[in-house]
């Protein structure tokens, strides 16, 4: 039975008349990469700030590591690393020196600096001043800082924001290795479904403050509806024939469109058309993209 690292119950945050987070019940299992997905302004960052104790909920309860955040805040946060918005650093100091400042505050062994630089692949840049780093390198240094205290839970808010394609790829690969190689549970938020799809094992979708989906990424993929498109001779006549045979089929732009049907059923439909001397030029399977599912679930709200 999986243990939930984070659990929220009826988590709500209200700002005057605006409800930023509404009755959210999160359950994030140990050892997973939990993708927290939603349009900009959906409530992701507000939820994360409450989980990190940076913002007090209007209503609801937050348990982290099975403990009440309100009662055991300092004890819990010692086991949590985070990168929310842009990382903080001293540009005139090297990567190593930046981490040394934080190491003294956290009171961890000096050897930990080399360990986290190796994890984020910055060992060769440790003596370079951070002001000369690319945005992607700064983001990786921010993650190194969040890993310095050897956390069991890492919370990243939009870590790929502003990165170029190579920086996004580096960040994605880094995040994917953390549970496998270091046993760290990761909560990563994003408004980019393509990024969550390529690194998350569990996903939660929030829109207008409401959590509307929470399950494995595979379950989300299963929601993709498959359509079969057929290009045949005399499509209108073939469409009428199939309708008369009780087949649920649509005619659109000269193509026959069928919903999800099994192999045996499509074989019978093809055989029926061939028997009636229709030429079948092409059969294509079209699966609804995850992006389409996302937009449908969020009622077409502008997001990606």
C-alpha atoms as a PDB file:
ATOM      1  CA  UNK A   1       0.000   0.000   0.000  1.00  0.00           C
ATOM      2  CA  UNK A   2       1.495   3.348  -1.052  1.00  0.00           C
ATOM      3  CA  UNK A   3       2.108   6.030   1.564  1.00  0.00           C
ATOM      4  CA  UNK A   4       1.013   9.572   0.772  1.00  0.00           C
ATOM      5  CA  UNK A   5       3.752  12.142   1.366  1.00  0.00           C
ATOM      6  CA  UNK A   6       1.280  15.036   0.970  1.00  0.00           C
ATOM      7  CA  UNK A   7      -2.423  15.036   1.810  1.00  0.00           C
ATOM      8  CA  UNK A   8      -4.701  18.058   1.802  1.00  0.00           C
ATOM      9  CA  UNK A   9      -8.291  18.032   2.993  1.00  0.00           C
ATOM     10  CA  UNK A  10     -10.767  20.658   1.825  1.00  0.00           C
ATOM     11  CA  UNK A  11      -7.888  23.075   1.256  1.00  0.00           C
ATOM     12  CA  UNK A  12      -9.291  26.525   0.494  1.00  0.00           C
ATOM     13  CA  UNK A  13      -7.774  29.975   0.085  1.00  0.00           C
ATOM     14  CA  UNK A  14      -9.870  33.105  -0.292  1.00  0.00           C
ATOM     15  CA  UNK A  15      -8.609  36.609  -1.059  1.00  0.00           C
ATOM     16  CA  UNK A  16     -11.483  38.965  -0.171  1.00  0.00           C
ATOM     17  CA  UNK A  17     -14.210  37.950  -2.647  1.00  0.00           C
ATOM     18  CA  UNK A  18     -11.938  35.792  -4.840  1.00  0.00           C
ATOM     19  CA  UNK A  19     -11.474  32.089  -4.104  1.00  0.00           C
ATOM     20  CA  UNK A  20      -8.037  31.113  -5.450  1.00  0.00           C
ATOM     21  CA  UNK A  21      -8.221  27.511  -4.195  1.00  0.00           C
ATOM     22  CA  UNK A  22     -11.511  25.724  -3.582  1.00  0.00           C
ATOM     23  CA  UNK A  23     -11.889  22.589  -1.419  1.00  0.00           C
ATOM     24  CA  UNK A  24      -8.797  20.816  -2.848  1.00  0.00           C
ATOM     25  CA  UNK A  25      -8.072  17.256  -1.696  1.00  0.00           C
ATOM     26  CA  UNK A  26      -4.600  16.249  -2.885  1.00  0.00           C
ATOM     27  CA  UNK A  27      -3.016  12.848  -2.274  1.00  0.00           C
ATOM     28  CA  UNK A  28       0.602  12.569  -3.456  1.00  0.00           C
ATOM     29  CA  UNK A  29       2.190   9.112  -3.030  1.00  0.00           C
ATOM     30  CA  UNK A  30       5.774   8.540  -1.953  1.00  0.00           C
ATOM     31  CA  UNK A  31       8.351   8.105  -4.713  1.00  0.00           C
ATOM     32  CA  UNK A  32       6.246   9.655  -7.483  1.00  0.00           C
ATOM     33  CA  UNK A  33       6.687  12.660  -9.731  1.00  0.00           C
ATOM     34  CA  UNK A  34       3.377  14.447  -9.271  1.00  0.00           C
ATOM     35  CA  UNK A  35       2.611  16.842 -12.089  1.00  0.00           C
ATOM     36  CA  UNK A  36       0.424  19.695 -10.900  1.00  0.00           C
ATOM     37  CA  UNK A  37      -1.104  21.012 -14.075  1.00  0.00           C
ATOM     38  CA  UNK A  38      -3.327  23.976 -14.797  1.00  0.00           C
ATOM     39  CA  UNK A  39      -3.667  27.238 -16.714  1.00  0.00           C
ATOM     40  CA  UNK A  40      -1.862  30.313 -15.436  1.00  0.00           C
ATOM     41  CA  UNK A  41      -3.843  31.696 -12.495  1.00  0.00           C
ATOM     42  CA  UNK A  42      -5.580  28.368 -11.813  1.00  0.00           C
ATOM     43  CA  UNK A  43      -4.375  28.149  -8.199  1.00  0.00           C
ATOM     44  CA  UNK A  44      -1.181  26.063  -8.532  1.00  0.00           C
ATOM     45  CA  UNK A  45       1.235  28.510  -6.905  1.00  0.00           C
ATOM     46  CA  UNK A  46      -1.235  29.405  -4.144  1.00  0.00           C
ATOM     47  CA  UNK A  47      -1.642  25.711  -3.306  1.00  0.00           C
ATOM     48  CA  UNK A  48       2.138  25.203  -3.295  1.00  0.00           C
ATOM     49  CA  UNK A  49       2.670  28.236  -1.048  1.00  0.00           C
ATOM     50  CA  UNK A  50       0.187  26.806   1.446  1.00  0.00           C
ATOM     51  CA  UNK A  51       1.907  23.384   1.379  1.00  0.00           C
ATOM     52  CA  UNK A  52       5.243  25.127   2.073  1.00  0.00           C
ATOM     53  CA  UNK A  53       3.759  27.101   4.957  1.00  0.00           C
ATOM     54  CA  UNK A  54       4.324  30.407   3.139  1.00  0.00           C
ATOM     55  CA  UNK A  55       0.630  31.180   3.131  1.00  0.00           C
ATOM     56  CA  UNK A  56      -2.067  30.282   5.612  1.00  0.00           C
ATOM     57  CA  UNK A  57      -5.180  28.489   4.296  1.00  0.00           C
ATOM     58  CA  UNK A  58      -8.559  30.107   4.788  1.00  0.00           C
ATOM     59  CA  UNK A  59      -9.905  26.644   5.487  1.00  0.00           C
ATOM     60  CA  UNK A  60      -8.726  23.038   5.380  1.00  0.00           C
ATOM     61  CA  UNK A  61      -5.864  20.881   6.572  1.00  0.00           C
ATOM     62  CA  UNK A  62      -2.431  19.950   5.190  1.00  0.00           C
ATOM     63  CA  UNK A  63      -0.552  16.809   6.217  1.00  0.00           C
ATOM     64  CA  UNK A  64       3.043  16.265   5.059  1.00  0.00           C
ATOM     65  CA  UNK A  65       4.868  13.034   6.000  1.00  0.00           C
ATOM     66  CA  UNK A  66       1.708  12.125   7.933  1.00  0.00           C
ATOM     67  CA  UNK A  67       2.073  15.160  10.212  1.00  0.00           C
ATOM     68  CA  UNK A  68      -0.080  18.265  10.567  1.00  0.00           C
ATOM     69  CA  UNK A  69       1.747  21.173   8.888  1.00  0.00           C
ATOM     70  CA  UNK A  70       0.219  23.710  11.238  1.00  0.00           C
ATOM     71  CA  UNK A  71       1.494  21.870  14.333  1.00  0.00           C
ATOM     72  CA  UNK A  72       4.832  20.523  13.042  1.00  0.00           C
ATOM     73  CA  UNK A  73       5.838  23.158  10.495  1.00  0.00           C
ATOM     74  CA  UNK A  74       9.586  23.469  11.273  1.00  0.00           C
ATOM     75  CA  UNK A  75      10.023  19.721  11.709  1.00  0.00           C
ATOM     76  CA  UNK A  76       8.343  19.051   8.344  1.00  0.00           C
ATOM     77  CA  UNK A  77      10.091  21.794   6.352  1.00  0.00           C
ATOM     78  CA  UNK A  78      13.533  20.464   7.348  1.00  0.00           C
ATOM     79  CA  UNK A  79      12.672  17.464   5.157  1.00  0.00           C
ATOM     80  CA  UNK A  80      11.422  19.549   2.199  1.00  0.00           C
ATOM     81  CA  UNK A  81      13.313  21.309  -0.581  1.00  0.00           C
ATOM     82  CA  UNK A  82      11.673  23.845  -2.876  1.00  0.00           C
ATOM     83  CA  UNK A  83      12.161  26.122  -5.834  1.00  0.00           C
ATOM     84  CA  UNK A  84       9.314  28.596  -6.168  1.00  0.00           C
ATOM     85  CA  UNK A  85       9.577  31.209  -8.912  1.00  0.00           C
ATOM     86  CA  UNK A  86      13.169  32.355  -9.650  1.00  0.00           C
ATOM     87  CA  UNK A  87      16.097  30.945  -7.654  1.00  0.00           C
ATOM     88  CA  UNK A  88      17.953  33.283  -5.310  1.00  0.00           C
ATOM     89  CA  UNK A  89      21.709  33.613  -5.754  1.00  0.00           C
ATOM     90  CA  UNK A  90      24.637  36.026  -5.408  1.00  0.00           C
ATOM     91  CA  UNK A  91      25.861  36.807  -8.926  1.00  0.00           C
ATOM     92  CA  UNK A  92      29.370  37.857  -7.828  1.00  0.00           C
ATOM     93  CA  UNK A  93      29.933  34.500  -6.077  1.00  0.00           C
ATOM     94  CA  UNK A  94      30.716  31.160  -7.706  1.00  0.00           C
ATOM     95  CA  UNK A  95      28.245  28.261  -7.728  1.00  0.00           C
ATOM     96  CA  UNK A  96      30.253  26.601  -4.951  1.00  0.00           C
ATOM     97  CA  UNK A  97      30.359  29.781  -2.850  1.00  0.00           C
ATOM     98  CA  UNK A  98      26.607  30.300  -3.220  1.00  0.00           C
ATOM     99  CA  UNK A  99      25.975  26.787  -1.929  1.00  0.00           C
ATOM    100  CA  UNK A 100      28.514  27.273   0.886  1.00  0.00           C
ATOM    101  CA  UNK A 101      26.504  30.243   2.189  1.00  0.00           C
ATOM    102  CA  UNK A 102      23.388  28.080   2.339  1.00  0.00           C
ATOM    103  CA  UNK A 103      25.290  25.060   3.695  1.00  0.00           C
ATOM    104  CA  UNK A 104      26.341  27.032   6.774  1.00  0.00           C
ATOM    105  CA  UNK A 105      22.718  27.989   7.446  1.00  0.00           C
ATOM    106  CA  UNK A 106      21.531  24.396   7.020  1.00  0.00           C
ATOM    107  CA  UNK A 107      24.529  22.989   8.915  1.00  0.00           C
ATOM    108  CA  UNK A 108      25.165  20.095   6.529  1.00  0.00           C
ATOM    109  CA  UNK A 109      28.583  18.535   5.675  1.00  0.00           C
ATOM    110  CA  UNK A 110      30.781  20.316   3.103  1.00  0.00           C
ATOM    111  CA  UNK A 111      30.823  17.131   1.028  1.00  0.00           C
ATOM    112  CA  UNK A 112      27.138  17.713   0.293  1.00  0.00           C
ATOM    113  CA  UNK A 113      28.006  20.669  -1.986  1.00  0.00           C
ATOM    114  CA  UNK A 114      29.928  18.443  -4.395  1.00  0.00           C
ATOM    115  CA  UNK A 115      27.132  15.856  -4.242  1.00  0.00           C
ATOM    116  CA  UNK A 116      24.384  18.277  -5.267  1.00  0.00           C
ATOM    117  CA  UNK A 117      26.537  19.904  -7.955  1.00  0.00           C
ATOM    118  CA  UNK A 118      27.080  16.435  -9.415  1.00  0.00           C
ATOM    119  CA  UNK A 119      23.331  15.666  -9.295  1.00  0.00           C
ATOM    120  CA  UNK A 120      22.478  18.825 -11.259  1.00  0.00           C
ATOM    121  CA  UNK A 121      25.497  18.388 -13.572  1.00  0.00           C
ATOM    122  CA  UNK A 122      27.269  21.596 -12.580  1.00  0.00           C
ATOM    123  CA  UNK A 123      30.476  20.078 -11.167  1.00  0.00           C
ATOM    124  CA  UNK A 124      32.552  21.513 -14.008  1.00  0.00           C
ATOM    125  CA  UNK A 125      31.089  24.986 -13.396  1.00  0.00           C
ATOM    126  CA  UNK A 126      31.478  25.048  -9.602  1.00  0.00           C
ATOM    127  CA  UNK A 127      34.174  27.768  -9.619  1.00  0.00           C
ATOM    128  CA  UNK A 128      32.474  29.987 -12.180  1.00  0.00           C
ATOM    129  CA  UNK A 129      30.674  33.167 -11.082  1.00  0.00           C
ATOM    130  CA  UNK A 130      26.917  32.729 -11.284  1.00  0.00           C
ATOM    131  CA  UNK A 131      26.376  36.050 -13.102  1.00  0.00           C
ATOM    132  CA  UNK A 132      27.838  34.342 -16.164  1.00  0.00           C
ATOM    133  CA  UNK A 133      25.430  31.386 -16.002  1.00  0.00           C
ATOM    134  CA  UNK A 134      22.677  30.793 -18.538  1.00  0.00           C
ATOM    135  CA  UNK A 135      19.084  30.776 -17.254  1.00  0.00           C
ATOM    136  CA  UNK A 136      19.041  26.963 -17.391  1.00  0.00           C
ATOM    137  CA  UNK A 137      22.222  26.745 -15.316  1.00  0.00           C
ATOM    138  CA  UNK A 138      20.771  29.162 -12.767  1.00  0.00           C
ATOM    139  CA  UNK A 139      17.661  26.980 -12.528  1.00  0.00           C
ATOM    140  CA  UNK A 140      19.824  23.908 -11.974  1.00  0.00           C
ATOM    141  CA  UNK A 141      21.800  25.760  -9.307  1.00  0.00           C
ATOM    142  CA  UNK A 142      18.470  26.619  -7.667  1.00  0.00           C
ATOM    143  CA  UNK A 143      17.600  22.920  -7.582  1.00  0.00           C
ATOM    144  CA  UNK A 144      21.064  22.132  -6.192  1.00  0.00           C
ATOM    145  CA  UNK A 145      20.341  24.597  -3.381  1.00  0.00           C
ATOM    146  CA  UNK A 146      16.965  22.957  -2.716  1.00  0.00           C
ATOM    147  CA  UNK A 147      18.659  19.531  -2.534  1.00  0.00           C
ATOM    148  CA  UNK A 148      21.424  20.669  -0.168  1.00  0.00           C
ATOM    149  CA  UNK A 149      19.515  19.688   2.960  1.00  0.00           C
ATOM    150  CA  UNK A 150      18.965  16.142   1.595  1.00  0.00           C
ATOM    151  CA  UNK A 151      15.155  16.512   1.345  1.00  0.00           C
ATOM    152  CA  UNK A 152      12.674  13.656   1.033  1.00  0.00           C
ATOM    153  CA  UNK A 153      10.228  15.908  -0.814  1.00  0.00           C
ATOM    154  CA  UNK A 154      11.088  18.425  -3.531  1.00  0.00           C
ATOM    155  CA  UNK A 155       8.551  21.046  -4.646  1.00  0.00           C
ATOM    156  CA  UNK A 156       9.189  22.860  -7.935  1.00  0.00           C
ATOM    157  CA  UNK A 157       6.920  25.614  -9.215  1.00  0.00           C
ATOM    158  CA  UNK A 158       7.168  26.069 -13.013  1.00  0.00           C
ATOM    159  CA  UNK A 159      10.871  25.012 -13.155  1.00  0.00           C
ATOM    160  CA  UNK A 160      11.017  25.134 -16.983  1.00  0.00           C
ATOM    161  CA  UNK A 161       9.576  28.648 -17.270  1.00  0.00           C
ATOM    162  CA  UNK A 162      11.617  30.770 -19.663  1.00  0.00           C
ATOM    163  CA  UNK A 163      14.046  28.001 -20.595  1.00  0.00           C
ATOM    164  CA  UNK A 164      15.039  27.279 -24.174  1.00  0.00           C
ATOM    165  CA  UNK A 165      14.399  23.757 -25.610  1.00  0.00           C
ATOM    166  CA  UNK A 166      17.794  22.393 -24.494  1.00  0.00           C
ATOM    167  CA  UNK A 167      17.296  23.849 -21.003  1.00  0.00           C
ATOM    168  CA  UNK A 168      13.828  22.274 -20.787  1.00  0.00           C
ATOM    169  CA  UNK A 169      15.273  18.897 -21.804  1.00  0.00           C
ATOM    170  CA  UNK A 170      18.036  19.148 -19.172  1.00  0.00           C
ATOM    171  CA  UNK A 171      15.536  20.101 -16.464  1.00  0.00           C
ATOM    172  CA  UNK A 172      13.173  17.274 -17.430  1.00  0.00           C
ATOM    173  CA  UNK A 173      15.934  14.651 -17.313  1.00  0.00           C
ATOM    174  CA  UNK A 174      17.166  15.993 -13.972  1.00  0.00           C
ATOM    175  CA  UNK A 175      13.705  15.796 -12.402  1.00  0.00           C
ATOM    176  CA  UNK A 176      13.104  12.277 -13.741  1.00  0.00           C
ATOM    177  CA  UNK A 177      16.263  10.945 -12.085  1.00  0.00           C
ATOM    178  CA  UNK A 178      15.448  12.232  -8.580  1.00  0.00           C
ATOM    179  CA  UNK A 179      12.951   9.534  -7.478  1.00  0.00           C
ATOM    180  CA  UNK A 180      14.862   6.721  -9.227  1.00  0.00           C
ATOM    181  CA  UNK A 181      18.362   7.528  -8.028  1.00  0.00           C
ATOM    182  CA  UNK A 182      17.785   9.491  -4.822  1.00  0.00           C
ATOM    183  CA  UNK A 183      14.372   8.355  -3.526  1.00  0.00           C
ATOM    184  CA  UNK A 184      12.961  11.889  -3.603  1.00  0.00           C
ATOM    185  CA  UNK A 185       9.251  12.498  -4.131  1.00  0.00           C
ATOM    186  CA  UNK A 186       8.721  15.429  -6.512  1.00  0.00           C
ATOM    187  CA  UNK A 187       5.792  17.816  -6.849  1.00  0.00           C
ATOM    188  CA  UNK A 188       6.260  19.834 -10.033  1.00  0.00           C
ATOM    189  CA  UNK A 189       3.786  22.412 -11.298  1.00  0.00           C
ATOM    190  CA  UNK A 190       3.434  23.539 -14.890  1.00  0.00           C
ATOM    191  CA  UNK A 191       0.988  25.027 -17.365  1.00  0.00           C
ATOM    192  CA  UNK A 192       2.687  23.000 -20.123  1.00  0.00           C
ATOM    193  CA  UNK A 193       0.933  19.677 -20.520  1.00  0.00           C
ATOM    194  CA  UNK A 194       3.646  18.370 -22.862  1.00  0.00           C
ATOM    195  CA  UNK A 195       6.223  18.739 -20.064  1.00  0.00           C
ATOM    196  CA  UNK A 196       4.081  17.024 -17.442  1.00  0.00           C
ATOM    197  CA  UNK A 197       3.316  14.216 -19.894  1.00  0.00           C
ATOM    198  CA  UNK A 198       7.030  13.516 -20.396  1.00  0.00           C
ATOM    199  CA  UNK A 199       8.110  13.380 -16.763  1.00  0.00           C
ATOM    200  CA  UNK A 200       5.192  12.853 -14.359  1.00  0.00           C
ATOM    201  CA  UNK A 201       3.918   9.512 -13.096  1.00  0.00           C
ATOM    202  CA  UNK A 202       0.898  11.039 -11.340  1.00  0.00           C
ATOM    203  CA  UNK A 203      -1.022  14.128 -12.372  1.00  0.00           C
ATOM    204  CA  UNK A 204      -3.488  16.561 -10.843  1.00  0.00           C
ATOM    205  CA  UNK A 205      -5.340  19.120 -12.947  1.00  0.00           C
ATOM    206  CA  UNK A 206      -6.579  22.324 -11.349  1.00  0.00           C
ATOM    207  CA  UNK A 207      -8.666  25.037 -12.982  1.00  0.00           C
ATOM    208  CA  UNK A 208     -10.304  28.080 -11.408  1.00  0.00           C
ATOM    209  CA  UNK A 209      -9.146  26.795  -8.018  1.00  0.00           C
ATOM    210  CA  UNK A 210     -10.867  23.416  -8.372  1.00  0.00           C
ATOM    211  CA  UNK A 211      -9.032  20.093  -8.606  1.00  0.00           C
ATOM    212  CA  UNK A 212     -10.848  18.392 -11.492  1.00  0.00           C
ATOM    213  CA  UNK A 213      -8.614  15.357 -12.053  1.00  0.00           C
ATOM    214  CA  UNK A 214      -6.142  13.341  -9.976  1.00  0.00           C
ATOM    215  CA  UNK A 215      -4.726   9.967 -11.004  1.00  0.00           C
ATOM    216  CA  UNK A 216      -1.836   8.340 -12.868  1.00  0.00           C
ATOM    217  CA  UNK A 217      -0.710   9.796 -16.186  1.00  0.00           C
ATOM    218  CA  UNK A 218      -1.726   6.474 -17.788  1.00  0.00           C
ATOM    219  CA  UNK A 219      -5.333   6.937 -16.647  1.00  0.00           C
ATOM    220  CA  UNK A 220      -5.304  10.418 -18.188  1.00  0.00           C
ATOM    221  CA  UNK A 221      -4.028   8.962 -21.460  1.00  0.00           C
ATOM    222  CA  UNK A 222      -6.826   6.393 -21.444  1.00  0.00           C
ATOM    223  CA  UNK A 223      -9.298   9.246 -21.631  1.00  0.00           C
ATOM    224  CA  UNK A 224      -8.075   9.889 -25.147  1.00  0.00           C
ATOM    225  CA  UNK A 225     -10.847   8.840 -27.500  1.00  0.00           C
ATOM    226  CA  UNK A 226      -9.849   7.016 -30.664  1.00  0.00           C
ATOM    227  CA  UNK A 227     -11.483   7.789 -33.996  1.00  0.00           C
ATOM    228  CA  UNK A 228     -11.162   5.823 -37.215  1.00  0.00           C
ATOM    229  CA  UNK A 229     -11.236   7.755 -40.457  1.00  0.00           C
ATOM    230  CA  UNK A 230     -11.898   5.990 -43.766  1.00  0.00           C
ATOM    231  CA  UNK A 231     -11.414   7.380 -47.245  1.00  0.00           C
ATOM    232  CA  UNK A 232     -13.588   5.405 -49.649  1.00  0.00           C
ATOM    233  CA  UNK A 233     -15.092   5.771 -53.117  1.00  0.00           C
ATOM    234  CA  UNK A 234     -18.543   7.417 -53.178  1.00  0.00           C
ATOM    235  CA  UNK A 235     -18.339   8.313 -49.483  1.00  0.00           C
ATOM    236  CA  UNK A 236     -21.930   9.566 -49.170  1.00  0.00           C
ATOM    237  CA  UNK A 237     -23.368   6.364 -50.596  1.00  0.00           C
ATOM    238  CA  UNK A 238     -21.086   4.247 -48.370  1.00  0.00           C
ATOM    239  CA  UNK A 239     -22.133   6.315 -45.349  1.00  0.00           C
ATOM    240  CA  UNK A 240     -25.817   5.645 -46.046  1.00  0.00           C
ATOM    241  CA  UNK A 241     -25.103   1.924 -46.472  1.00  0.00           C
ATOM    242  CA  UNK A 242     -23.339   1.673 -43.118  1.00  0.00           C
ATOM    243  CA  UNK A 243     -26.104   3.635 -41.386  1.00  0.00           C
ATOM    244  CA  UNK A 244     -28.662   1.201 -42.814  1.00  0.00           C
ATOM    245  CA  UNK A 245     -26.594  -1.630 -41.285  1.00  0.00           C
ATOM    246  CA  UNK A 246     -26.751  -0.039 -37.823  1.00  0.00           C
ATOM    247  CA  UNK A 247     -23.171   1.272 -37.817  1.00  0.00           C
ATOM    248  CA  UNK A 248     -22.613   4.524 -35.909  1.00  0.00           C
ATOM    249  CA  UNK A 249     -20.727   6.553 -38.481  1.00  0.00           C
ATOM    250  CA  UNK A 250     -20.386  10.208 -39.475  1.00  0.00           C
ATOM    251  CA  UNK A 251     -19.574  11.785 -42.819  1.00  0.00           C
ATOM    252  CA  UNK A 252     -17.225  14.753 -42.539  1.00  0.00           C
ATOM    253  CA  UNK A 253     -15.174  16.386 -45.305  1.00  0.00           C
ATOM    254  CA  UNK A 254     -15.664  13.362 -47.512  1.00  0.00           C
ATOM    255  CA  UNK A 255     -14.364  10.953 -44.844  1.00  0.00           C
ATOM    256  CA  UNK A 256     -16.260   8.262 -42.932  1.00  0.00           C
ATOM    257  CA  UNK A 257     -15.625   8.668 -39.207  1.00  0.00           C
ATOM    258  CA  UNK A 258     -16.231   5.907 -36.689  1.00  0.00           C
ATOM    259  CA  UNK A 259     -15.839   5.967 -32.941  1.00  0.00           C
ATOM    260  CA  UNK A 260     -13.643   3.511 -31.057  1.00  0.00           C
ATOM    261  CA  UNK A 261     -14.306   0.034 -32.520  1.00  0.00           C
ATOM    262  CA  UNK A 262     -12.442  -3.224 -32.009  1.00  0.00           C
ATOM    263  CA  UNK A 263     -10.496  -4.991 -34.747  1.00  0.00           C
ATOM    264  CA  UNK A 264     -13.208  -7.561 -35.398  1.00  0.00           C
ATOM    265  CA  UNK A 265     -15.845  -4.886 -35.893  1.00  0.00           C
ATOM    266  CA  UNK A 266     -13.757  -2.814 -38.306  1.00  0.00           C
ATOM    267  CA  UNK A 267     -12.933  -5.996 -40.289  1.00  0.00           C
ATOM    268  CA  UNK A 268     -16.672  -6.647 -40.757  1.00  0.00           C
ATOM    269  CA  UNK A 269     -17.284  -3.014 -41.828  1.00  0.00           C
ATOM    270  CA  UNK A 270     -14.475  -3.220 -44.394  1.00  0.00           C
ATOM    271  CA  UNK A 271     -15.742  -6.577 -45.679  1.00  0.00           C
ATOM    272  CA  UNK A 272     -19.251  -5.128 -46.037  1.00  0.00           C
ATOM    273  CA  UNK A 273     -17.987  -2.173 -48.083  1.00  0.00           C
ATOM    274  CA  UNK A 274     -15.784  -4.350 -50.300  1.00  0.00           C
ATOM    275  CA  UNK A 275     -18.722  -6.720 -50.924  1.00  0.00           C
ATOM    276  CA  UNK A 276     -20.752  -3.739 -52.161  1.00  0.00           C
ATOM    277  CA  UNK A 277     -17.846  -2.809 -54.481  1.00  0.00           C
ATOM    278  CA  UNK A 278     -16.623   0.302 -52.675  1.00  0.00           C
ATOM    279  CA  UNK A 279     -12.907   1.007 -52.985  1.00  0.00           C
ATOM    280  CA  UNK A 280     -11.176   1.636 -49.667  1.00  0.00           C
ATOM    281  CA  UNK A 281      -8.250   3.982 -50.149  1.00  0.00           C
ATOM    282  CA  UNK A 282      -7.122   4.591 -46.586  1.00  0.00           C
ATOM    283  CA  UNK A 283      -7.953   3.827 -42.945  1.00  0.00           C
ATOM    284  CA  UNK A 284      -6.409   6.053 -40.277  1.00  0.00           C
ATOM    285  CA  UNK A 285      -6.603   5.913 -36.497  1.00  0.00           C
ATOM    286  CA  UNK A 286      -6.720   9.293 -34.779  1.00  0.00           C
ATOM    287  CA  UNK A 287      -6.336   9.572 -31.009  1.00  0.00           C
ATOM    288  CA  UNK A 288      -7.361  12.689 -29.136  1.00  0.00           C
ATOM    289  CA  UNK A 289      -4.214  14.394 -27.878  1.00  0.00           C
ATOM    290  CA  UNK A 290      -3.583  14.992 -24.182  1.00  0.00           C
ATOM    291  CA  UNK A 291      -3.729  18.697 -24.943  1.00  0.00           C
ATOM    292  CA  UNK A 292      -7.254  18.258 -26.361  1.00  0.00           C
ATOM    293  CA  UNK A 293      -8.256  16.324 -23.248  1.00  0.00           C
ATOM    294  CA  UNK A 294      -6.823  19.079 -21.071  1.00  0.00           C
ATOM    295  CA  UNK A 295      -8.706  21.783 -22.945  1.00  0.00           C
ATOM    296  CA  UNK A 296     -11.910  19.772 -22.820  1.00  0.00           C
ATOM    297  CA  UNK A 297     -11.539  19.153 -19.069  1.00  0.00           C
ATOM    298  CA  UNK A 298     -10.936  22.840 -18.437  1.00  0.00           C
ATOM    299  CA  UNK A 299     -13.891  23.719 -20.701  1.00  0.00           C
ATOM    300  CA  UNK A 300     -11.653  25.237 -23.376  1.00  0.00           C
ATOM    301  CA  UNK A 301     -10.235  27.818 -20.988  1.00  0.00           C
ATOM    302  CA  UNK A 302      -7.279  29.624 -22.565  1.00  0.00           C
ATOM    303  CA  UNK A 303      -4.241  28.035 -21.007  1.00  0.00           C
ATOM    304  CA  UNK A 304      -1.487  26.570 -23.127  1.00  0.00           C
END
